Amino acid sequence: MTEVVRLSVCAALLLSGVCSCARPPDPPAPPAAAPEIVISRADYAERLYGFWLGQCIANWTGLVTEMDKIGDVGDIRTGAFYTRHDWGQPDQPSIWAEGVPSDLSETIDFVIRRRGEVWGADDDTDIEYMYQHLLDSLQTTILSPAQIRDGWLRHIRPEEENYLWVANQRAFDLMREGMLPPDTGSPAHNEHYAMIDAQLTTEIFGLFAPARPDVALQMSWLPVRTVAREDAAWISEFYVSMHALASAADTTRSVGERLRWMADQSRRQLPEGSYAAAMYDYVKARHAAGISWEAARDSIYVRYQIRQADGYDMTDRKLYCNGCFAAGINYAASLVSLFYGNGDLRETIRIGTLAGWDADNPTATWGGLIGFMIGRKGVEAAFGSDLSDRFHIHRTRRNFPNGGVDTFSAMAATGVSIVDRVVERELGGRVDTSMNTWHIPAEYPR
């Protein structure tokens, strides 16, 4: 068909409303708006309050049984561990208590501070508090090696009792000698790099990057490696990731369902072939098999401290208390309280307190995370509305304002102001002051 004929045909068809060949192309559709998560700043402050309150309850409850039961290497009988029937029963001495039970509670029970009392800082809360203070006072989102070193030297007492253990103490000594992170956590300089210390100090970074574990891991990369490497670092990052994902989980699901989703998502960043990844898969399978939490815990002891499976060789290292401070065995124990606690704050703390080893650390981890998920009101519904809101950081650290006495409300407000900066500088989001909300580009499926 010639061009003239084609045009004539098109003109005739156009008049009849059939032809489209002479129409201008339709304008392109506007690009779809990028998915975003909208979070209330006021609600987040209430949840950060719940984080600090839940963490303190769990921390101090777990301290009652800390290092009471660590297993008896060489004997596969595990009756030395606590069971659910020991809750409410007399506390037994820890490995270093010289026959004397905990002075926190005569029985294994929740430790609570009521209105008019004060929560004392401990190693599960104090360096997290310090990192929050540094981010706030320095008006930054990513701490530098020098800022971390200067913060440690300013706020940690060099003399005993300074509430530092193994990897943290060695890193602190190296900082006093002039070394900077991350060298302070290198196996070449810090022989305790596989211990639990990084977990205690970095989980809060997940809450500074709501719904974005990728950014939370960037923010926590150096703090984690200030004291840890390899599996201990990866385990710490697992917890950081879970704390960040708490703001991305589907709130129509139960707390237990959300926790399992958060854990499965965070499992993806554990390197295959690591004992951390194997421990997660093993404990999850034990839970799915329907055995009791005590049986799951006992099997962990046999598998990892007796048989040294999946490359977990702490027993061969002949460490003090068989590495009862190690990141690995305490990670496995924490997964028991995670899966079997099923999102119930009281039950999760109860299981963590009875599970053994460094019992205050897993309990503090989940107490803080579940406390964040259910908020202040949820924690008070579980433990009473007359709980203390005061926190004394100078019990363990030094050189903070107001004589070291703070409140959970003020600590939560500080956390919100840090998230403001992170949202704008690191997340590519925005702060809507008129609606008191954050708008955060979503990277993870809900």
Protein backbone atom coordinates (compact mmCIF):
# COMPACT_ATOMS: atom_id res chain seq x y z
CA MET A 1 0.00 0.00 0.00
CA THR A 2 1.38 3.39 -1.01
CA GLU A 3 1.78 6.05 1.64
CA VAL A 4 -0.96 8.19 0.02
CA VAL A 5 -3.45 5.33 -0.03
CA ARG A 6 -2.56 4.35 3.54
CA LEU A 7 -3.17 7.85 4.76
CA SER A 8 -6.50 8.03 2.90
CA VAL A 9 -7.67 4.80 4.45
CA CYS A 10 -6.59 5.97 7.88
CA ALA A 11 -8.39 9.28 7.40
CA ALA A 12 -11.61 7.48 6.55
CA LEU A 13 -11.27 5.12 9.45
CA LEU A 14 -10.39 7.98 11.77
CA LEU A 15 -13.67 9.69 10.89
CA SER A 16 -15.48 6.49 11.77
CA GLY A 17 -13.62 6.32 15.10
CA VAL A 18 -11.85 3.05 14.27
CA CYS A 19 -8.35 4.02 13.22
CA SER A 20 -5.70 4.73 15.81
CA CYS A 21 -2.66 4.93 13.58
CA ALA A 22 -2.83 8.74 13.35
CA ARG A 23 -3.44 9.29 17.09
CA PRO A 24 -0.65 10.72 19.19
CA PRO A 25 0.78 8.15 21.59
CA ASP A 26 -0.70 8.03 25.05
CA PRO A 27 1.42 9.84 27.65
CA PRO A 28 3.58 7.50 29.71
CA ALA A 29 2.09 6.39 33.00
CA PRO A 30 3.56 8.17 36.00
CA PRO A 31 6.12 6.07 37.85
CA ALA A 32 4.67 4.06 40.68
CA ALA A 33 5.37 5.56 44.06
CA ALA A 34 8.14 3.72 45.88
CA PRO A 35 6.71 1.64 48.73
CA GLU A 36 7.33 3.20 52.11
CA ILE A 37 6.67 2.46 55.73
CA VAL A 38 5.03 5.17 57.81
CA ILE A 39 5.82 5.08 61.53
CA SER A 40 4.41 7.26 64.28
CA ARG A 41 7.20 8.96 66.22
CA ALA A 42 5.03 9.10 69.34
CA ASP A 43 4.29 5.38 69.10
CA TYR A 44 7.97 4.66 68.57
CA ALA A 45 8.87 6.57 71.72
CA GLU A 46 6.39 4.45 73.68
CA ARG A 47 7.96 1.32 72.23
CA LEU A 48 11.51 2.48 73.04
CA TYR A 49 10.34 2.97 76.62
CA GLY A 50 9.12 -0.63 76.50
CA PHE A 51 12.52 -1.70 75.17
CA TRP A 52 14.44 -0.25 78.12
CA LEU A 53 11.88 -1.40 80.69
CA GLY A 54 11.56 -4.92 79.30
CA GLN A 55 15.33 -5.25 79.02
CA CYS A 56 15.86 -4.19 82.64
CA ILE A 57 13.25 -6.63 83.98
CA ALA A 58 14.75 -9.49 81.97
CA ASN A 59 18.36 -8.54 82.72
CA TRP A 60 17.90 -8.43 86.48
CA THR A 61 15.76 -11.57 86.54
CA GLY A 62 18.37 -13.47 84.53
CA LEU A 63 21.11 -12.32 86.89
CA VAL A 64 19.59 -14.49 89.62
CA THR A 65 20.65 -17.66 87.75
CA GLU A 66 23.62 -16.31 85.77
CA MET A 67 26.26 -19.07 85.58
CA ASP A 68 24.39 -21.33 88.01
CA LYS A 69 24.18 -24.14 85.45
CA ILE A 70 26.76 -24.54 82.68
CA GLY A 71 26.80 -28.32 82.19
CA ASP A 72 29.39 -30.86 83.20
CA VAL A 73 31.65 -31.52 80.23
CA GLY A 74 32.53 -35.19 79.90
CA ASP A 75 29.23 -36.31 81.43
CA ILE A 76 26.33 -36.48 78.97
CA ARG A 77 23.81 -36.61 81.81
CA THR A 78 22.26 -33.16 81.98
CA GLY A 79 20.27 -33.27 85.19
CA ALA A 80 22.43 -30.48 86.55
CA PHE A 81 20.40 -27.98 84.51
CA TYR A 82 17.32 -26.19 85.81
CA THR A 83 13.86 -27.18 84.56
CA ARG A 84 10.49 -25.42 84.66
CA HIS A 85 9.87 -26.99 88.07
CA ASP A 86 12.70 -24.90 89.55
CA TRP A 87 10.85 -21.62 88.97
CA GLY A 88 9.93 -20.21 92.36
CA GLN A 89 12.34 -22.59 94.09
CA PRO A 90 15.52 -21.56 95.98
CA ASP A 91 18.29 -20.17 93.79
CA GLN A 92 21.47 -22.23 93.61
CA PRO A 93 25.00 -20.77 93.75
CA SER A 94 26.75 -19.73 90.56
CA ILE A 95 30.13 -21.10 89.55
CA TRP A 96 31.96 -18.21 91.25
CA ALA A 97 29.66 -17.61 94.24
CA GLU A 98 31.50 -19.91 96.69
CA GLY A 99 28.33 -21.67 97.72
CA VAL A 100 26.27 -18.51 98.18
CA PRO A 101 23.08 -18.00 96.10
CA SER A 102 22.28 -14.70 94.42
CA ASP A 103 21.57 -11.77 96.72
CA LEU A 104 19.01 -10.44 94.22
CA SER A 105 16.38 -13.01 95.14
CA GLU A 106 16.29 -16.01 97.44
CA THR A 107 14.12 -17.80 94.90
CA ILE A 108 14.23 -18.02 91.12
CA ASP A 109 11.64 -15.40 90.29
CA PHE A 110 11.13 -12.09 88.51
CA VAL A 111 13.16 -9.17 89.87
CA ILE A 112 11.12 -5.98 89.72
CA ARG A 113 11.79 -2.37 90.69
CA ARG A 114 8.65 -0.52 91.65
CA ARG A 115 7.87 3.19 91.67
CA GLY A 116 10.27 5.01 93.98
CA GLU A 117 13.06 2.51 93.28
CA VAL A 118 15.77 2.69 90.58
CA TRP A 119 16.90 0.20 87.93
CA GLY A 120 20.66 -0.20 88.05
CA ALA A 121 22.70 -0.38 84.86
CA ASP A 122 24.39 -3.67 84.02
CA ASP A 123 26.59 -4.88 81.18
CA ASP A 124 23.50 -5.77 79.13
CA THR A 125 22.35 -2.14 79.10
CA ASP A 126 25.20 0.20 79.91
CA ILE A 127 27.28 0.22 76.71
CA GLU A 128 24.11 0.39 74.62
CA TYR A 129 23.22 3.44 76.71
CA MET A 130 26.71 4.83 76.08
CA TYR A 131 26.43 4.34 72.31
CA GLN A 132 23.05 6.09 72.30
CA HIS A 133 24.59 8.96 74.27
CA LEU A 134 27.50 9.22 71.83
CA LEU A 135 25.25 9.26 68.76
CA ASP A 136 23.14 11.94 70.41
CA SER A 137 25.86 14.17 71.82
CA LEU A 138 27.99 13.96 68.66
CA GLN A 139 24.94 14.47 66.42
CA THR A 140 26.03 11.65 64.14
CA THR A 141 24.68 8.38 62.75
CA ILE A 142 27.91 6.43 62.19
CA LEU A 143 30.50 6.37 64.97
CA SER A 144 34.15 6.58 63.98
CA PRO A 145 36.96 4.51 65.53
CA ALA A 146 38.22 7.53 67.49
CA GLN A 147 34.73 8.39 68.72
CA ILE A 148 34.22 4.86 70.01
CA ARG A 149 37.60 4.79 71.71
CA ASP A 150 37.11 8.22 73.30
CA GLY A 151 33.64 7.23 74.49
CA TRP A 152 34.90 4.03 76.10
CA LEU A 153 37.77 5.83 77.82
CA ARG A 154 35.55 8.61 79.12
CA HIS A 155 32.65 6.50 80.37
CA ILE A 156 34.27 3.25 81.58
CA ARG A 157 36.20 3.12 84.84
CA PRO A 158 39.72 1.73 84.47
CA GLU A 159 39.73 0.26 87.98
CA GLU A 160 37.66 -2.66 89.25
CA GLU A 161 34.75 -3.14 89.63
CA ASN A 162 34.21 -1.82 86.11
CA TYR A 163 31.69 -4.45 84.94
CA LEU A 164 33.66 -5.47 81.88
CA TRP A 165 34.32 -9.08 80.96
CA VAL A 166 36.58 -10.99 78.60
CA ALA A 167 36.39 -9.40 75.10
CA ASN A 168 35.14 -6.02 76.33
CA GLN A 169 37.85 -5.83 78.98
CA ARG A 170 40.58 -6.76 76.51
CA ALA A 171 39.32 -4.21 73.97
CA PHE A 172 39.28 -1.55 76.69
CA ASP A 173 42.86 -2.39 77.70
CA LEU A 174 43.94 -2.10 74.07
CA MET A 175 42.21 1.28 73.75
CA ARG A 176 44.07 2.51 76.83
CA GLU A 177 47.27 1.47 75.05
CA GLY A 178 46.30 3.60 72.04
CA MET A 179 44.73 1.01 69.72
CA LEU A 180 41.60 1.89 67.74
CA PRO A 181 38.64 -0.27 66.71
CA PRO A 182 38.26 -2.52 64.81
CA ASP A 183 41.78 -3.74 65.66
CA THR A 184 40.64 -4.05 69.29
CA GLY A 185 38.42 -6.95 68.28
CA SER A 186 40.85 -8.69 65.98
CA PRO A 187 41.88 -12.26 66.90
CA ALA A 188 45.46 -11.09 66.53
CA HIS A 189 45.00 -8.74 69.51
CA ASN A 190 41.89 -9.90 71.38
CA GLU A 191 41.95 -13.57 72.26
CA HIS A 192 38.35 -13.33 73.53
CA TYR A 193 36.88 -12.35 70.16
CA ALA A 194 34.52 -15.38 70.18
CA MET A 195 32.82 -14.43 73.44
CA ILE A 196 29.34 -12.95 73.87
CA ASP A 197 30.35 -9.33 74.48
CA ALA A 198 29.34 -7.80 71.14
CA GLN A 199 25.76 -9.00 71.57
CA LEU A 200 25.42 -7.07 74.83
CA THR A 201 26.52 -3.79 73.33
CA THR A 202 25.00 -3.46 69.86
CA GLU A 203 21.41 -4.70 69.61
CA ILE A 204 20.06 -1.17 69.99
CA PHE A 205 21.48 -0.15 66.59
CA GLY A 206 18.67 -2.17 65.03
CA LEU A 207 16.15 0.16 66.66
CA PHE A 208 17.92 3.22 65.24
CA ALA A 209 17.18 2.03 61.67
CA PRO A 210 13.53 0.94 61.81
CA ALA A 211 12.50 -1.57 59.13
CA ARG A 212 15.95 -1.38 57.50
CA PRO A 213 18.35 -4.05 58.77
CA ASP A 214 20.71 -3.25 55.90
CA VAL A 215 21.33 0.20 57.36
CA ALA A 216 21.32 -1.07 60.95
CA LEU A 217 24.13 -3.47 60.02
CA GLN A 218 26.13 -0.61 58.52
CA MET A 219 25.70 1.45 61.69
CA SER A 220 26.66 -1.44 63.97
CA TRP A 221 29.49 -2.86 61.84
CA LEU A 222 32.27 -1.08 63.73
CA PRO A 223 30.75 -1.32 67.25
CA VAL A 224 30.33 -5.08 66.74
CA ARG A 225 33.90 -5.49 65.55
CA THR A 226 35.26 -3.39 68.36
CA VAL A 227 35.17 -6.63 70.38
CA ALA A 228 34.22 -9.55 68.09
CA ARG A 229 34.93 -11.45 64.89
CA GLU A 230 33.58 -14.38 62.91
CA ASP A 231 30.61 -16.22 64.46
CA ALA A 232 30.43 -13.91 67.48
CA ALA A 233 30.12 -10.93 65.14
CA TRP A 234 27.58 -12.68 62.88
CA ILE A 235 25.48 -13.69 65.88
CA SER A 236 25.47 -10.09 67.10
CA GLU A 237 24.36 -8.95 63.66
CA PHE A 238 21.56 -11.51 63.76
CA TYR A 239 20.19 -9.74 66.82
CA VAL A 240 20.71 -6.28 65.29
CA SER A 241 18.78 -7.40 62.21
CA MET A 242 15.90 -8.74 64.30
CA HIS A 243 15.60 -5.46 66.18
CA ALA A 244 15.42 -3.50 62.92
CA LEU A 245 12.87 -5.88 61.40
CA ALA A 246 10.54 -5.42 64.37
CA SER A 247 9.25 -2.31 62.57
CA ALA A 248 8.69 -4.17 59.29
CA ALA A 249 6.82 -7.20 60.64
CA ASP A 250 3.11 -7.61 59.95
CA THR A 251 1.34 -6.33 63.05
CA THR A 252 -1.80 -8.31 62.23
CA ARG A 253 0.16 -11.39 63.25
CA SER A 254 0.88 -12.45 66.83
CA VAL A 255 4.10 -11.42 68.53
CA GLY A 256 5.35 -15.01 68.29
CA GLU A 257 4.64 -15.19 64.56
CA ARG A 258 6.39 -11.88 64.00
CA LEU A 259 9.42 -12.97 65.99
CA ARG A 260 9.76 -16.16 63.95
CA TRP A 261 9.51 -14.19 60.70
CA MET A 262 12.12 -11.72 61.95
CA ALA A 263 14.38 -14.58 62.99
CA ASP A 264 14.04 -16.42 59.67
CA GLN A 265 14.83 -13.22 57.77
CA SER A 266 17.88 -12.58 59.98
CA ARG A 267 19.04 -16.18 59.57
CA ARG A 268 19.66 -15.37 55.88
CA GLN A 269 22.62 -13.16 56.73
CA LEU A 270 24.40 -15.89 58.73
CA PRO A 271 27.12 -17.40 56.51
CA GLU A 272 26.43 -20.95 55.43
CA GLY A 273 28.90 -23.30 57.04
CA SER A 274 29.16 -21.19 60.20
CA TYR A 275 28.25 -22.78 63.50
CA ALA A 276 25.88 -19.84 64.06
CA ALA A 277 23.81 -20.84 61.03
CA ALA A 278 23.85 -24.50 62.04
CA MET A 279 22.75 -23.69 65.58
CA TYR A 280 19.76 -21.74 64.31
CA ASP A 281 18.66 -24.55 62.03
CA TYR A 282 19.16 -27.15 64.76
CA VAL A 283 17.18 -25.36 67.48
CA LYS A 284 14.40 -24.48 65.06
CA ALA A 285 14.16 -28.16 64.08
CA ARG A 286 14.07 -29.27 67.73
CA HIS A 287 11.19 -26.90 68.36
CA ALA A 288 9.36 -28.10 65.25
CA ALA A 289 9.78 -31.68 66.45
CA GLY A 290 7.59 -30.89 69.44
CA ILE A 291 10.01 -31.81 72.20
CA SER A 292 10.06 -29.84 75.47
CA TRP A 293 12.26 -26.80 75.86
CA GLU A 294 14.28 -28.66 78.50
CA ALA A 295 14.92 -31.52 76.07
CA ALA A 296 15.95 -29.05 73.38
CA ARG A 297 18.34 -27.32 75.80
CA ASP A 298 19.83 -30.62 76.94
CA SER A 299 20.37 -31.69 73.34
CA ILE A 300 22.18 -28.42 72.67
CA TYR A 301 24.52 -29.15 75.54
CA VAL A 302 25.28 -32.63 74.22
CA ARG A 303 25.60 -31.56 70.60
CA TYR A 304 27.82 -28.55 71.10
CA GLN A 305 29.68 -28.96 74.38
CA ILE A 306 30.11 -32.71 74.37
CA ARG A 307 30.22 -33.64 70.69
CA GLN A 308 31.45 -30.25 69.42
CA ALA A 309 29.29 -30.47 66.30
CA ASP A 310 29.18 -28.00 63.40
CA GLY A 311 32.68 -26.71 64.11
CA TYR A 312 31.90 -25.46 67.63
CA ASP A 313 35.18 -26.39 69.32
CA MET A 314 35.07 -24.45 72.60
CA THR A 315 35.55 -27.56 74.72
CA ASP A 316 38.85 -28.34 72.98
CA ARG A 317 40.05 -24.80 73.71
CA LYS A 318 40.11 -25.59 77.46
CA LEU A 319 38.69 -22.18 78.40
CA TYR A 320 37.58 -21.15 81.87
CA CYS A 321 34.12 -22.63 82.61
CA ASN A 322 34.31 -24.29 79.19
CA GLY A 323 33.55 -21.02 77.43
CA CYS A 324 30.35 -20.35 79.38
CA PHE A 325 30.64 -16.71 78.21
CA ALA A 326 30.95 -17.76 74.55
CA ALA A 327 28.70 -16.26 71.92
CA GLY A 328 27.83 -19.65 70.44
CA ILE A 329 26.43 -21.69 73.33
CA ASN A 330 24.52 -18.68 74.65
CA TYR A 331 23.12 -18.01 71.18
CA ALA A 332 21.81 -21.56 71.01
CA ALA A 333 20.30 -21.19 74.48
CA SER A 334 18.70 -17.87 73.51
CA LEU A 335 17.00 -19.53 70.55
CA VAL A 336 15.36 -21.98 72.94
CA SER A 337 13.69 -19.15 74.85
CA LEU A 338 12.85 -17.40 71.56
CA PHE A 339 11.04 -20.34 69.95
CA TYR A 340 9.47 -21.81 73.06
CA GLY A 341 8.57 -18.46 74.62
CA ASN A 342 6.51 -17.74 71.48
CA GLY A 343 6.39 -13.99 72.04
CA ASP A 344 5.02 -14.14 75.59
CA LEU A 345 7.19 -11.77 77.60
CA ARG A 346 6.91 -13.51 80.96
CA GLU A 347 7.34 -17.02 79.55
CA THR A 348 10.31 -16.01 77.39
CA ILE A 349 12.09 -14.46 80.38
CA ARG A 350 11.22 -17.48 82.52
CA ILE A 351 12.68 -19.97 80.04
CA GLY A 352 15.77 -17.84 79.42
CA THR A 353 16.42 -17.56 83.14
CA LEU A 354 16.23 -21.34 83.58
CA ALA A 355 18.03 -22.35 80.37
CA GLY A 356 21.54 -22.04 81.79
CA TRP A 357 24.94 -20.52 81.01
CA ASP A 358 25.07 -16.70 80.88
CA ALA A 359 21.35 -16.54 81.62
CA ASP A 360 20.93 -12.78 81.95
CA ASN A 361 22.10 -12.08 78.40
CA PRO A 362 19.52 -13.99 76.31
CA THR A 363 16.78 -12.86 78.69
CA ALA A 364 17.83 -9.22 78.34
CA THR A 365 17.92 -9.56 74.56
CA TRP A 366 14.40 -10.92 74.24
CA GLY A 367 13.02 -8.86 77.10
CA GLY A 368 14.15 -5.73 75.31
CA LEU A 369 12.96 -6.80 71.87
CA ILE A 370 9.56 -8.06 73.01
CA GLY A 371 9.27 -4.99 75.24
CA PHE A 372 9.80 -2.85 72.14
CA MET A 373 7.22 -4.82 70.16
CA ILE A 374 4.50 -4.56 72.81
CA GLY A 375 5.52 -1.13 74.12
CA ARG A 376 5.38 0.31 77.60
CA LYS A 377 1.70 -0.55 78.02
CA GLY A 378 2.33 -4.16 77.07
CA VAL A 379 5.17 -4.54 79.57
CA GLU A 380 3.07 -2.92 82.29
CA ALA A 381 0.18 -5.24 81.45
CA ALA A 382 2.54 -8.17 82.08
CA PHE A 383 4.23 -6.88 85.26
CA GLY A 384 2.12 -4.07 86.73
CA SER A 385 1.64 -0.35 86.16
CA ASP A 386 3.72 0.76 89.16
CA LEU A 387 7.11 -0.12 87.65
CA SER A 388 10.03 2.23 88.17
CA ASP A 389 10.96 4.44 85.22
CA ARG A 390 14.35 5.55 86.59
CA PHE A 391 17.71 4.22 85.42
CA HIS A 392 21.07 4.67 87.15
CA ILE A 393 23.86 4.45 84.58
CA HIS A 394 26.54 5.32 87.14
CA ARG A 395 26.09 1.97 88.83
CA THR A 396 28.47 0.62 86.19
CA ARG A 397 29.64 3.60 84.09
CA ARG A 398 30.68 7.22 84.72
CA ASN A 399 30.68 10.83 83.46
CA PHE A 400 27.08 11.10 82.33
CA PRO A 401 24.77 14.07 83.05
CA ASN A 402 22.47 14.39 86.08
CA GLY A 403 24.65 12.28 88.31
CA GLY A 404 23.93 9.32 86.07
CA VAL A 405 20.19 9.18 86.84
CA ASP A 406 17.96 9.07 83.77
CA THR A 407 14.38 8.09 82.95
CA PHE A 408 13.04 5.73 80.32
CA SER A 409 10.92 8.56 78.89
CA ALA A 410 13.98 10.75 78.37
CA MET A 411 16.00 7.81 77.01
CA ALA A 412 13.20 7.07 74.54
CA ALA A 413 13.08 10.72 73.44
CA THR A 414 16.82 10.61 72.80
CA GLY A 415 16.35 7.48 70.72
CA VAL A 416 13.65 9.17 68.62
CA SER A 417 15.92 12.14 67.91
CA ILE A 418 18.64 9.75 66.71
CA VAL A 419 16.17 7.99 64.43
CA ASP A 420 15.20 11.41 63.01
CA ARG A 421 18.77 11.83 61.77
CA VAL A 422 19.06 8.25 60.56
CA VAL A 423 15.81 8.49 58.59
CA GLU A 424 17.01 11.58 56.74
CA ARG A 425 20.73 10.81 56.39
CA GLU A 426 20.87 7.05 56.01
CA LEU A 427 17.42 5.73 55.06
CA GLY A 428 16.54 8.22 52.34
CA GLY A 429 13.31 8.98 54.17
CA ARG A 430 11.75 12.07 55.67
CA VAL A 431 10.41 13.34 58.96
CA ASP A 432 6.88 14.76 58.75
CA THR A 433 6.70 17.06 61.77
CA SER A 434 3.10 18.06 61.06
CA MET A 435 1.92 14.46 61.33
CA ASN A 436 4.70 13.40 63.74
CA THR A 437 5.66 10.51 61.47
CA TRP A 438 8.62 9.00 59.66
CA HIS A 439 8.31 7.98 56.01
CA ILE A 440 10.88 5.26 55.30
CA PRO A 441 11.51 3.59 51.93
CA ALA A 442 10.72 -0.09 52.36
CA GLU A 443 13.32 -2.67 51.44
CA TYR A 444 11.85 -5.76 53.06
CA PRO A 445 8.48 -7.49 52.42
CA ARG A 446 5.90 -7.16 55.15
